[in-house]
Amino acid sequence: MDADDLRSLFKVLTYGTPATRRALAERVAVDPHPDMSLVLVATVRSSEPRELKDRCLEVLQVMAAAGDPTASEFLDELNLPV
């Protein structure tokens, strides 16, 4: 992911509505970005604010439900439902 992608992701996660975050997750699940899941997972595991971590987890759950294998594996590790 380049810096522009990371800034866009941060804006959606920070300021986006649930619908905006869902649209992002569904779009990424259909046209996978190789690093998106890894960035989201790293953020969930980081010391970032709880709200940002929760929103990353929300996006990962939608991605997993749409068939993203990396997101699914991460949620399995945490024993969270898809």
C-alpha atoms as a PDB file:
ATOM      1  CA  MET A   1       0.000   0.000   0.000  1.00  0.00           C
ATOM      2  CA  ASP A   2       1.289   3.444  -0.788  1.00  0.00           C
ATOM      3  CA  ALA A   3       0.903   6.504   1.408  1.00  0.00           C
ATOM      4  CA  ASP A   4      -2.176   7.734  -0.483  1.00  0.00           C
ATOM      5  CA  ASP A   5      -3.928   4.399   0.073  1.00  0.00           C
ATOM      6  CA  LEU A   6      -3.121   4.521   3.774  1.00  0.00           C
ATOM      7  CA  ARG A   7      -4.408   8.088   4.099  1.00  0.00           C
ATOM      8  CA  SER A   8      -7.626   7.153   2.297  1.00  0.00           C
ATOM      9  CA  LEU A   9      -8.083   4.104   4.504  1.00  0.00           C
ATOM     10  CA  PHE A  10      -7.491   6.161   7.643  1.00  0.00           C
ATOM     11  CA  LYS A  11     -10.071   8.748   6.530  1.00  0.00           C
ATOM     12  CA  VAL A  12     -12.714   6.102   5.863  1.00  0.00           C
ATOM     13  CA  LEU A  13     -12.035   4.362   9.170  1.00  0.00           C
ATOM     14  CA  THR A  14     -11.960   7.589  11.152  1.00  0.00           C
ATOM     15  CA  TYR A  15     -14.691   9.663   9.528  1.00  0.00           C
ATOM     16  CA  GLY A  16     -16.744   7.219   7.472  1.00  0.00           C
ATOM     17  CA  THR A  17     -20.186   5.970   8.334  1.00  0.00           C
ATOM     18  CA  PRO A  18     -20.921   2.286   8.879  1.00  0.00           C
ATOM     19  CA  ALA A  19     -22.234   2.190   5.294  1.00  0.00           C
ATOM     20  CA  THR A  20     -19.019   3.726   3.977  1.00  0.00           C
ATOM     21  CA  ARG A  21     -16.899   1.213   5.872  1.00  0.00           C
ATOM     22  CA  ARG A  22     -19.077  -1.659   4.643  1.00  0.00           C
ATOM     23  CA  ALA A  23     -18.752  -0.441   1.043  1.00  0.00           C
ATOM     24  CA  LEU A  24     -14.967  -0.306   1.440  1.00  0.00           C
ATOM     25  CA  ALA A  25     -14.857  -3.836   2.830  1.00  0.00           C
ATOM     26  CA  GLU A  26     -17.099  -5.246   0.111  1.00  0.00           C
ATOM     27  CA  ARG A  27     -15.090  -3.486  -2.614  1.00  0.00           C
ATOM     28  CA  VAL A  28     -11.806  -4.848  -1.247  1.00  0.00           C
ATOM     29  CA  ALA A  29     -13.236  -8.357  -0.905  1.00  0.00           C
ATOM     30  CA  VAL A  30     -14.270  -8.358  -4.575  1.00  0.00           C
ATOM     31  CA  ASP A  31     -11.024  -6.765  -5.801  1.00  0.00           C
ATOM     32  CA  PRO A  32      -8.495  -7.712  -3.121  1.00  0.00           C
ATOM     33  CA  HIS A  33      -5.709  -5.356  -2.249  1.00  0.00           C
ATOM     34  CA  PRO A  34      -2.874  -7.587  -1.072  1.00  0.00           C
ATOM     35  CA  ASP A  35      -1.910  -5.499   1.932  1.00  0.00           C
ATOM     36  CA  MET A  36      -5.325  -4.255   3.095  1.00  0.00           C
ATOM     37  CA  SER A  37      -6.065  -7.163   5.426  1.00  0.00           C
ATOM     38  CA  LEU A  38      -2.563  -7.050   6.842  1.00  0.00           C
ATOM     39  CA  VAL A  39      -2.811  -3.326   7.605  1.00  0.00           C
ATOM     40  CA  LEU A  40      -6.202  -3.799   9.253  1.00  0.00           C
ATOM     41  CA  VAL A  41      -4.942  -6.755  11.309  1.00  0.00           C
ATOM     42  CA  ALA A  42      -1.840  -4.823  12.376  1.00  0.00           C
ATOM     43  CA  THR A  43      -4.041  -1.934  13.468  1.00  0.00           C
ATOM     44  CA  VAL A  44      -6.327  -4.210  15.501  1.00  0.00           C
ATOM     45  CA  ARG A  45      -3.243  -5.552  17.278  1.00  0.00           C
ATOM     46  CA  SER A  46      -1.686  -2.116  17.781  1.00  0.00           C
ATOM     47  CA  SER A  47      -1.940   0.471  20.522  1.00  0.00           C
ATOM     48  CA  GLU A  48      -4.127   2.733  18.371  1.00  0.00           C
ATOM     49  CA  PRO A  49      -7.318   4.138  19.932  1.00  0.00           C
ATOM     50  CA  ARG A  50     -10.022   1.563  20.657  1.00  0.00           C
ATOM     51  CA  GLU A  51     -12.499   3.137  18.211  1.00  0.00           C
ATOM     52  CA  LEU A  52     -10.067   2.798  15.292  1.00  0.00           C
ATOM     53  CA  LYS A  53      -9.282  -0.796  16.251  1.00  0.00           C
ATOM     54  CA  ASP A  54     -13.002  -1.615  16.477  1.00  0.00           C
ATOM     55  CA  ARG A  55     -13.625  -0.109  13.042  1.00  0.00           C
ATOM     56  CA  CYS A  56     -10.769  -2.132  11.551  1.00  0.00           C
ATOM     57  CA  LEU A  57     -12.273  -5.247  13.082  1.00  0.00           C
ATOM     58  CA  GLU A  58     -15.676  -4.304  11.644  1.00  0.00           C
ATOM     59  CA  VAL A  59     -14.174  -4.006   8.145  1.00  0.00           C
ATOM     60  CA  LEU A  60     -12.333  -7.313   8.550  1.00  0.00           C
ATOM     61  CA  GLN A  61     -15.597  -9.055   9.502  1.00  0.00           C
ATOM     62  CA  VAL A  62     -17.343  -7.742   6.384  1.00  0.00           C
ATOM     63  CA  MET A  63     -14.350  -8.715   4.243  1.00  0.00           C
ATOM     64  CA  ALA A  64     -14.361 -12.219   5.717  1.00  0.00           C
ATOM     65  CA  ALA A  65     -18.091 -12.580   5.129  1.00  0.00           C
ATOM     66  CA  ALA A  66     -17.485 -11.576   1.503  1.00  0.00           C
ATOM     67  CA  GLY A  67     -14.821 -14.266   1.128  1.00  0.00           C
ATOM     68  CA  ASP A  68     -11.467 -12.634   1.916  1.00  0.00           C
ATOM     69  CA  PRO A  69      -9.282 -15.526   3.156  1.00  0.00           C
ATOM     70  CA  THR A  70      -6.773 -13.408   5.096  1.00  0.00           C
ATOM     71  CA  ALA A  71      -9.547 -11.659   7.000  1.00  0.00           C
ATOM     72  CA  SER A  72     -11.217 -15.014   7.698  1.00  0.00           C
ATOM     73  CA  GLU A  73      -8.000 -16.528   9.030  1.00  0.00           C
ATOM     74  CA  PHE A  74      -7.446 -13.591  11.357  1.00  0.00           C
ATOM     75  CA  LEU A  75     -10.980 -13.778  12.736  1.00  0.00           C
ATOM     76  CA  ASP A  76     -10.534 -17.527  13.228  1.00  0.00           C
ATOM     77  CA  GLU A  77      -7.393 -16.817  15.278  1.00  0.00           C
ATOM     78  CA  LEU A  78      -9.420 -14.481  17.477  1.00  0.00           C
ATOM     79  CA  ASN A  79     -12.332 -16.925  17.521  1.00  0.00           C
ATOM     80  CA  LEU A  80     -14.705 -14.219  16.271  1.00  0.00           C
ATOM     81  CA  PRO A  81     -17.765 -14.835  14.112  1.00  0.00           C
ATOM     82  CA  VAL A  82     -17.828 -13.761  10.476  1.00  0.00           C
END
